[in-house]
N, C-alpha and C. Protein backbone atom coordinates (compact mmCIF):
# COMPACT_ATOMS: atom_id res chain seq x y z
N MET A 1 -7.30 -18.43 15.28
CA MET A 1 -7.88 -17.11 15.37
C MET A 1 -8.83 -17.04 16.54
N ILE A 2 -8.94 -15.86 17.10
CA ILE A 2 -9.89 -15.68 18.18
C ILE A 2 -11.13 -15.00 17.65
N ALA A 3 -12.21 -15.20 18.31
CA ALA A 3 -13.45 -14.53 17.95
C ALA A 3 -14.14 -14.12 19.24
N ALA A 4 -13.58 -13.13 19.92
CA ALA A 4 -14.09 -12.71 21.22
C ALA A 4 -15.50 -12.15 21.12
N ASP A 5 -15.77 -11.37 20.10
CA ASP A 5 -17.10 -10.82 19.91
C ASP A 5 -17.26 -10.34 18.48
N VAL A 6 -18.42 -9.84 18.19
CA VAL A 6 -18.73 -9.41 16.83
C VAL A 6 -17.84 -8.26 16.40
N SER A 7 -17.53 -7.34 17.30
CA SER A 7 -16.70 -6.19 16.92
C SER A 7 -15.31 -6.64 16.47
N TYR A 8 -14.77 -7.65 17.13
CA TYR A 8 -13.48 -8.18 16.72
C TYR A 8 -13.58 -8.79 15.32
N ASP A 9 -14.65 -9.52 15.08
CA ASP A 9 -14.86 -10.13 13.76
C ASP A 9 -14.97 -9.07 12.67
N VAL A 10 -15.67 -7.99 12.97
CA VAL A 10 -15.81 -6.90 12.00
C VAL A 10 -14.44 -6.27 11.73
N LEU A 11 -13.66 -6.03 12.79
CA LEU A 11 -12.31 -5.49 12.61
C LEU A 11 -11.47 -6.42 11.74
N PHE A 12 -11.58 -7.71 11.98
CA PHE A 12 -10.81 -8.68 11.21
C PHE A 12 -11.19 -8.64 9.73
N ILE A 13 -12.49 -8.56 9.45
CA ILE A 13 -12.94 -8.51 8.06
C ILE A 13 -12.47 -7.22 7.39
N VAL A 14 -12.56 -6.09 8.10
CA VAL A 14 -12.08 -4.82 7.55
C VAL A 14 -10.57 -4.88 7.34
N HIS A 15 -9.86 -5.52 8.25
CA HIS A 15 -8.41 -5.69 8.14
C HIS A 15 -8.05 -6.47 6.88
N LEU A 16 -8.74 -7.58 6.66
CA LEU A 16 -8.50 -8.38 5.45
C LEU A 16 -8.89 -7.63 4.19
N ALA A 17 -10.02 -6.94 4.22
CA ALA A 17 -10.45 -6.16 3.06
C ALA A 17 -9.45 -5.04 2.76
N GLY A 18 -8.92 -4.41 3.81
CA GLY A 18 -7.91 -3.36 3.63
C GLY A 18 -6.65 -3.91 3.00
N ALA A 19 -6.24 -5.09 3.43
CA ALA A 19 -5.04 -5.72 2.85
C ALA A 19 -5.27 -6.04 1.38
N LEU A 20 -6.42 -6.59 1.06
CA LEU A 20 -6.73 -6.92 -0.33
C LEU A 20 -6.82 -5.65 -1.17
N ALA A 21 -7.50 -4.63 -0.67
CA ALA A 21 -7.63 -3.37 -1.41
C ALA A 21 -6.26 -2.73 -1.64
N THR A 22 -5.41 -2.76 -0.62
CA THR A 22 -4.07 -2.20 -0.75
C THR A 22 -3.29 -2.92 -1.83
N LEU A 23 -3.34 -4.24 -1.81
CA LEU A 23 -2.64 -5.03 -2.81
C LEU A 23 -3.13 -4.70 -4.22
N VAL A 24 -4.43 -4.65 -4.40
CA VAL A 24 -5.00 -4.35 -5.73
C VAL A 24 -4.59 -2.96 -6.19
N VAL A 25 -4.73 -1.96 -5.32
CA VAL A 25 -4.40 -0.58 -5.69
C VAL A 25 -2.93 -0.46 -6.07
N LEU A 26 -2.05 -1.05 -5.28
CA LEU A 26 -0.62 -0.93 -5.56
C LEU A 26 -0.20 -1.70 -6.80
N VAL A 27 -0.81 -2.84 -7.05
CA VAL A 27 -0.50 -3.60 -8.27
C VAL A 27 -0.96 -2.83 -9.50
N VAL A 28 -2.15 -2.23 -9.43
CA VAL A 28 -2.64 -1.42 -10.56
C VAL A 28 -1.75 -0.22 -10.77
N LEU A 29 -1.35 0.45 -9.68
CA LEU A 29 -0.46 1.60 -9.80
C LEU A 29 0.88 1.18 -10.39
N ARG A 30 1.40 0.03 -9.98
CA ARG A 30 2.67 -0.48 -10.52
C ARG A 30 2.54 -0.79 -12.01
N THR A 31 1.42 -1.38 -12.41
CA THR A 31 1.18 -1.68 -13.81
C THR A 31 1.09 -0.39 -14.63
N ASN A 32 0.40 0.60 -14.09
CA ASN A 32 0.31 1.89 -14.77
C ASN A 32 1.67 2.57 -14.87
N ALA A 33 2.48 2.46 -13.85
CA ALA A 33 3.82 3.06 -13.89
C ALA A 33 4.67 2.40 -14.96
N GLN A 34 4.60 1.07 -15.06
CA GLN A 34 5.35 0.36 -16.10
C GLN A 34 4.88 0.77 -17.49
N PHE A 35 3.58 0.89 -17.66
CA PHE A 35 3.01 1.34 -18.93
C PHE A 35 3.50 2.75 -19.25
N ALA A 36 3.49 3.62 -18.24
CA ALA A 36 3.89 5.02 -18.43
C ALA A 36 5.35 5.13 -18.85
N ALA A 37 6.17 4.23 -18.36
CA ALA A 37 7.60 4.28 -18.69
C ALA A 37 7.88 3.92 -20.14
N THR A 38 6.88 3.34 -20.82
CA THR A 38 7.11 2.89 -22.19
C THR A 38 6.21 3.54 -23.22
N THR A 39 5.23 4.35 -22.82
CA THR A 39 4.27 4.90 -23.78
C THR A 39 4.51 6.38 -24.04
N THR A 40 3.97 6.82 -25.16
CA THR A 40 3.99 8.26 -25.48
C THR A 40 2.57 8.78 -25.65
N ASP A 41 1.59 8.01 -25.30
CA ASP A 41 0.18 8.37 -25.46
C ASP A 41 -0.26 9.28 -24.31
N ARG A 42 -0.22 10.60 -24.56
CA ARG A 42 -0.53 11.58 -23.51
C ARG A 42 -1.99 11.49 -23.07
N ALA A 43 -2.91 11.19 -23.96
CA ALA A 43 -4.33 11.12 -23.60
C ALA A 43 -4.57 10.00 -22.58
N THR A 44 -4.02 8.84 -22.84
CA THR A 44 -4.16 7.73 -21.89
C THR A 44 -3.46 8.05 -20.58
N MET A 45 -2.30 8.66 -20.68
CA MET A 45 -1.55 9.01 -19.47
C MET A 45 -2.30 10.01 -18.60
N SER A 46 -2.99 10.95 -19.21
CA SER A 46 -3.73 11.93 -18.41
C SER A 46 -4.88 11.29 -17.66
N GLN A 47 -5.40 10.18 -18.17
CA GLN A 47 -6.45 9.45 -17.46
C GLN A 47 -5.85 8.59 -16.34
N ARG A 48 -4.71 8.00 -16.59
CA ARG A 48 -4.10 7.10 -15.60
C ARG A 48 -3.35 7.84 -14.51
N PHE A 49 -2.87 9.04 -14.81
CA PHE A 49 -2.10 9.82 -13.83
C PHE A 49 -2.61 11.26 -13.76
N PRO A 50 -3.81 11.45 -13.24
CA PRO A 50 -4.28 12.82 -13.08
C PRO A 50 -3.45 13.50 -11.99
N ASP A 51 -3.28 14.79 -12.12
CA ASP A 51 -2.48 15.55 -11.15
C ASP A 51 -3.34 15.85 -9.92
N ARG A 52 -3.48 14.84 -9.05
CA ARG A 52 -4.24 14.99 -7.82
C ARG A 52 -3.73 13.99 -6.79
N VAL A 53 -4.18 14.16 -5.58
CA VAL A 53 -3.78 13.27 -4.49
C VAL A 53 -4.40 11.89 -4.70
N ASP A 54 -3.60 10.85 -4.53
CA ASP A 54 -4.06 9.47 -4.69
C ASP A 54 -4.52 8.94 -3.33
N TRP A 55 -5.81 9.09 -3.07
CA TRP A 55 -6.34 8.63 -1.78
C TRP A 55 -6.46 7.11 -1.75
N ALA A 56 -6.63 6.47 -2.87
CA ALA A 56 -6.76 5.01 -2.90
C ALA A 56 -5.51 4.32 -2.37
N ALA A 57 -4.34 4.89 -2.65
CA ALA A 57 -3.10 4.28 -2.17
C ALA A 57 -3.00 4.33 -0.65
N ARG A 58 -3.77 5.19 -0.04
CA ARG A 58 -3.73 5.31 1.42
C ARG A 58 -4.52 4.21 2.13
N THR A 59 -5.12 3.28 1.38
CA THR A 59 -5.80 2.16 2.03
C THR A 59 -4.85 1.34 2.87
N VAL A 60 -3.55 1.48 2.61
CA VAL A 60 -2.55 0.76 3.40
C VAL A 60 -2.68 1.10 4.89
N HIS A 61 -3.13 2.29 5.20
CA HIS A 61 -3.24 2.70 6.60
C HIS A 61 -4.40 2.01 7.33
N VAL A 62 -5.36 1.50 6.57
CA VAL A 62 -6.46 0.75 7.18
C VAL A 62 -5.92 -0.49 7.88
N MET A 63 -4.91 -1.12 7.28
CA MET A 63 -4.36 -2.35 7.86
C MET A 63 -3.79 -2.12 9.25
N VAL A 64 -3.02 -1.07 9.43
CA VAL A 64 -2.40 -0.85 10.74
C VAL A 64 -3.43 -0.40 11.77
N ILE A 65 -4.39 0.42 11.35
CA ILE A 65 -5.41 0.88 12.30
C ILE A 65 -6.23 -0.30 12.81
N THR A 66 -6.69 -1.14 11.89
CA THR A 66 -7.49 -2.29 12.31
C THR A 66 -6.64 -3.34 13.01
N GLY A 67 -5.40 -3.50 12.57
CA GLY A 67 -4.51 -4.45 13.23
C GLY A 67 -4.23 -4.07 14.68
N LEU A 68 -3.96 -2.79 14.91
CA LEU A 68 -3.75 -2.33 16.28
C LEU A 68 -5.02 -2.47 17.11
N ALA A 69 -6.15 -2.15 16.51
CA ALA A 69 -7.42 -2.30 17.23
C ALA A 69 -7.66 -3.76 17.60
N MET A 70 -7.34 -4.68 16.70
CA MET A 70 -7.50 -6.11 17.02
C MET A 70 -6.54 -6.53 18.12
N SER A 71 -5.32 -6.02 18.08
CA SER A 71 -4.36 -6.37 19.13
C SER A 71 -4.80 -5.86 20.49
N LEU A 72 -5.37 -4.67 20.51
CA LEU A 72 -5.79 -4.08 21.77
C LEU A 72 -7.07 -4.69 22.32
N THR A 73 -7.93 -5.21 21.46
CA THR A 73 -9.19 -5.78 21.93
C THR A 73 -9.18 -7.30 21.99
N GLY A 74 -8.20 -7.92 21.36
CA GLY A 74 -8.15 -9.38 21.32
C GLY A 74 -7.47 -9.97 22.55
N ASP A 75 -7.32 -11.27 22.55
CA ASP A 75 -6.67 -11.94 23.67
C ASP A 75 -5.15 -11.97 23.47
N HIS A 76 -4.47 -12.73 24.30
CA HIS A 76 -3.00 -12.78 24.29
C HIS A 76 -2.43 -13.26 22.95
N SER A 77 -3.17 -14.07 22.22
CA SER A 77 -2.63 -14.61 20.97
C SER A 77 -2.41 -13.54 19.89
N VAL A 78 -3.01 -12.37 20.06
CA VAL A 78 -2.83 -11.29 19.10
C VAL A 78 -2.30 -10.01 19.76
N SER A 79 -1.72 -10.16 20.94
CA SER A 79 -1.26 -8.98 21.68
C SER A 79 -0.02 -8.37 21.03
N LEU A 80 0.25 -7.14 21.40
CA LEU A 80 1.41 -6.42 20.86
C LEU A 80 2.73 -7.06 21.28
N SER A 81 2.72 -7.93 22.28
CA SER A 81 3.94 -8.59 22.72
C SER A 81 4.35 -9.75 21.80
N ARG A 82 3.49 -10.14 20.90
CA ARG A 82 3.80 -11.22 19.96
C ARG A 82 4.80 -10.74 18.91
N PRO A 83 5.83 -11.53 18.61
CA PRO A 83 6.84 -11.10 17.64
C PRO A 83 6.26 -10.83 16.25
N TRP A 84 5.29 -11.61 15.81
CA TRP A 84 4.74 -11.41 14.48
C TRP A 84 3.96 -10.10 14.38
N VAL A 85 3.36 -9.65 15.49
CA VAL A 85 2.66 -8.37 15.49
C VAL A 85 3.68 -7.23 15.37
N GLY A 86 4.76 -7.34 16.15
CA GLY A 86 5.82 -6.33 16.07
C GLY A 86 6.47 -6.28 14.70
N THR A 87 6.69 -7.46 14.12
CA THR A 87 7.27 -7.52 12.77
C THR A 87 6.33 -6.87 11.77
N GLY A 88 5.04 -7.14 11.89
CA GLY A 88 4.06 -6.52 11.01
C GLY A 88 4.05 -5.01 11.14
N LEU A 89 4.18 -4.51 12.38
CA LEU A 89 4.22 -3.06 12.59
C LEU A 89 5.45 -2.43 11.96
N VAL A 90 6.59 -3.07 12.13
CA VAL A 90 7.84 -2.54 11.54
C VAL A 90 7.74 -2.54 10.01
N LEU A 91 7.23 -3.61 9.45
CA LEU A 91 7.07 -3.66 7.99
C LEU A 91 6.08 -2.61 7.51
N TYR A 92 4.98 -2.43 8.25
CA TYR A 92 4.02 -1.39 7.88
C TYR A 92 4.69 -0.02 7.90
N LEU A 93 5.47 0.28 8.93
CA LEU A 93 6.15 1.58 9.00
C LEU A 93 7.06 1.80 7.80
N ALA A 94 7.76 0.76 7.39
CA ALA A 94 8.62 0.86 6.21
C ALA A 94 7.78 1.09 4.95
N ILE A 95 6.68 0.37 4.82
CA ILE A 95 5.79 0.54 3.67
C ILE A 95 5.24 1.96 3.64
N ALA A 96 4.72 2.42 4.76
CA ALA A 96 4.12 3.75 4.81
C ALA A 96 5.15 4.83 4.51
N ALA A 97 6.35 4.69 5.05
CA ALA A 97 7.39 5.69 4.82
C ALA A 97 7.78 5.74 3.35
N LEU A 98 8.01 4.58 2.74
CA LEU A 98 8.40 4.57 1.33
C LEU A 98 7.26 5.02 0.42
N LEU A 99 6.06 4.62 0.76
CA LEU A 99 4.91 5.02 -0.06
C LEU A 99 4.69 6.53 0.01
N GLU A 100 4.66 7.06 1.22
CA GLU A 100 4.35 8.49 1.40
C GLU A 100 5.52 9.40 1.01
N ALA A 101 6.74 8.96 1.25
CA ALA A 101 7.91 9.82 1.01
C ALA A 101 8.52 9.65 -0.37
N ARG A 102 8.33 8.51 -1.00
CA ARG A 102 8.99 8.25 -2.28
C ARG A 102 8.01 7.97 -3.43
N ALA A 103 7.17 6.94 -3.26
CA ALA A 103 6.34 6.50 -4.39
C ALA A 103 5.25 7.51 -4.74
N LEU A 104 4.48 7.95 -3.78
CA LEU A 104 3.38 8.85 -4.10
C LEU A 104 3.85 10.22 -4.59
N PRO A 105 4.94 10.77 -4.06
CA PRO A 105 5.46 12.00 -4.69
C PRO A 105 5.89 11.77 -6.15
N LYS A 106 6.43 10.60 -6.46
CA LYS A 106 6.79 10.28 -7.85
C LYS A 106 5.53 10.18 -8.71
N GLU A 107 4.47 9.61 -8.15
CA GLU A 107 3.22 9.53 -8.89
C GLU A 107 2.72 10.94 -9.22
N ARG A 108 2.77 11.83 -8.26
CA ARG A 108 2.36 13.23 -8.52
C ARG A 108 3.26 13.88 -9.56
N GLU A 109 4.56 13.55 -9.51
CA GLU A 109 5.50 14.10 -10.49
C GLU A 109 5.13 13.64 -11.90
N VAL A 110 4.76 12.38 -12.03
CA VAL A 110 4.32 11.87 -13.34
C VAL A 110 3.07 12.62 -13.79
N GLY A 111 2.10 12.79 -12.88
CA GLY A 111 0.88 13.52 -13.22
C GLY A 111 1.15 14.95 -13.64
N ARG A 112 2.07 15.63 -12.93
CA ARG A 112 2.41 17.01 -13.29
C ARG A 112 3.13 17.06 -14.64
N ALA A 113 4.00 16.07 -14.91
CA ALA A 113 4.71 16.04 -16.19
C ALA A 113 3.73 15.83 -17.34
N VAL A 114 2.78 14.94 -17.14
CA VAL A 114 1.77 14.70 -18.19
C VAL A 114 0.95 15.97 -18.41
N ALA A 115 0.48 16.60 -17.34
CA ALA A 115 -0.34 17.81 -17.46
C ALA A 115 0.46 18.97 -18.06
N GLY A 116 1.76 19.02 -17.76
CA GLY A 116 2.59 20.12 -18.23
C GLY A 116 3.22 19.91 -19.59
N GLY A 117 2.95 18.77 -20.19
CA GLY A 117 3.51 18.51 -21.52
C GLY A 117 4.98 18.11 -21.50
N GLU A 118 5.47 17.70 -20.35
CA GLU A 118 6.87 17.30 -20.21
C GLU A 118 7.00 15.78 -20.35
N SER A 119 8.23 15.31 -20.36
CA SER A 119 8.47 13.86 -20.41
C SER A 119 8.21 13.25 -19.04
N TRP A 120 7.49 12.16 -19.02
CA TRP A 120 7.15 11.47 -17.77
C TRP A 120 7.84 10.12 -17.65
N LYS A 121 8.62 9.74 -18.63
CA LYS A 121 9.19 8.39 -18.65
C LYS A 121 10.11 8.09 -17.47
N GLU A 122 11.03 8.98 -17.16
CA GLU A 122 11.96 8.72 -16.06
C GLU A 122 11.26 8.71 -14.70
N PRO A 123 10.41 9.70 -14.40
CA PRO A 123 9.70 9.61 -13.12
C PRO A 123 8.81 8.35 -13.03
N ALA A 124 8.23 7.94 -14.16
CA ALA A 124 7.40 6.73 -14.15
C ALA A 124 8.25 5.49 -13.86
N ALA A 125 9.44 5.43 -14.44
CA ALA A 125 10.33 4.30 -14.17
C ALA A 125 10.77 4.29 -12.71
N GLN A 126 11.03 5.47 -12.16
CA GLN A 126 11.40 5.56 -10.74
C GLN A 126 10.22 5.16 -9.86
N LEU A 127 9.03 5.57 -10.23
CA LEU A 127 7.83 5.17 -9.49
C LEU A 127 7.69 3.66 -9.49
N ALA A 128 7.89 3.03 -10.62
CA ALA A 128 7.79 1.57 -10.71
C ALA A 128 8.80 0.90 -9.79
N ARG A 129 10.01 1.44 -9.74
CA ARG A 129 11.04 0.85 -8.85
C ARG A 129 10.65 0.99 -7.38
N TRP A 130 10.14 2.16 -6.98
CA TRP A 130 9.72 2.34 -5.59
C TRP A 130 8.55 1.41 -5.26
N LEU A 131 7.64 1.26 -6.19
CA LEU A 131 6.51 0.37 -5.96
C LEU A 131 6.93 -1.09 -5.87
N ASP A 132 7.98 -1.47 -6.60
CA ASP A 132 8.51 -2.82 -6.45
C ASP A 132 8.95 -3.08 -5.02
N ILE A 133 9.62 -2.10 -4.43
CA ILE A 133 10.08 -2.24 -3.04
C ILE A 133 8.88 -2.29 -2.09
N VAL A 134 7.92 -1.40 -2.29
CA VAL A 134 6.73 -1.36 -1.43
C VAL A 134 5.96 -2.68 -1.54
N LEU A 135 5.79 -3.18 -2.74
CA LEU A 135 5.07 -4.45 -2.92
C LEU A 135 5.82 -5.63 -2.32
N THR A 136 7.14 -5.60 -2.37
CA THR A 136 7.92 -6.65 -1.73
C THR A 136 7.71 -6.62 -0.22
N LEU A 137 7.75 -5.43 0.36
CA LEU A 137 7.50 -5.30 1.80
C LEU A 137 6.08 -5.70 2.15
N LEU A 138 5.12 -5.37 1.29
CA LEU A 138 3.74 -5.78 1.54
C LEU A 138 3.61 -7.30 1.49
N ALA A 139 4.30 -7.93 0.55
CA ALA A 139 4.28 -9.40 0.48
C ALA A 139 4.86 -10.01 1.76
N LEU A 140 5.95 -9.43 2.25
CA LEU A 140 6.54 -9.91 3.51
C LEU A 140 5.57 -9.72 4.68
N THR A 141 4.85 -8.61 4.68
CA THR A 141 3.87 -8.35 5.74
C THR A 141 2.76 -9.37 5.69
N LEU A 142 2.24 -9.63 4.50
CA LEU A 142 1.15 -10.60 4.36
C LEU A 142 1.64 -12.00 4.74
N LEU A 143 2.85 -12.33 4.37
CA LEU A 143 3.42 -13.62 4.75
C LEU A 143 3.56 -13.73 6.26
N THR A 144 4.00 -12.67 6.89
CA THR A 144 4.13 -12.65 8.34
C THR A 144 2.79 -12.86 9.02
N MET A 145 1.74 -12.23 8.49
CA MET A 145 0.42 -12.38 9.08
C MET A 145 -0.13 -13.79 8.87
N LEU A 146 0.22 -14.41 7.76
CA LEU A 146 -0.24 -15.77 7.50
C LEU A 146 0.49 -16.80 8.37
N VAL A 147 1.80 -16.63 8.49
CA VAL A 147 2.62 -17.60 9.21
C VAL A 147 2.47 -17.43 10.73
N GLN A 148 2.45 -16.21 11.20
CA GLN A 148 2.33 -15.89 12.63
C GLN A 148 3.29 -16.72 13.48
N PHE A 149 4.57 -16.49 13.24
CA PHE A 149 5.59 -17.29 13.93
C PHE A 149 5.59 -17.16 15.41
C-alpha cells in the first residue's frame, strides 16, 4: 500500500469503511428479505420494510468514489491502468446496476405490498435472489481488492 499523504490515508479509511458498511447493509437486507418470504407478521414487516427510499443501500457508491479518488491521487501502484482497478470498476458497475435497477425496486415493492395489505412473499423472494447476486459480485470485488493481481 502507498501512503503518499494524510488525504490518501483518509480516503483509504473511508473506502474500507464504505466497503464494510455496504456489506453489513446488504447482508441485513438479504436476511430481512429471507424473513419476509416466510413470515405473515405484518407488524414486523412494516418495521423492516417501510415504504421509503433505502439510502443505506447506497453506501455502495462510497466505494467507487473513494476508490477513484485514491487511483487519481495515488502513485502508479493504484493507477487506473492496473487490471485489478479496472476489474473492480467493472464489478462495481454490475453491482450498482443490479442494486439500483432490480434489488432496490423489489425492496420498495415489498414495502408497498406490506403498506397496502397485499402479499409480499413473492417480491421478497425475488429481492432475496437479486441480493444473492449482488452479494456474490461484492464478494468478488472485495476479493479482487485483497488479491490485487
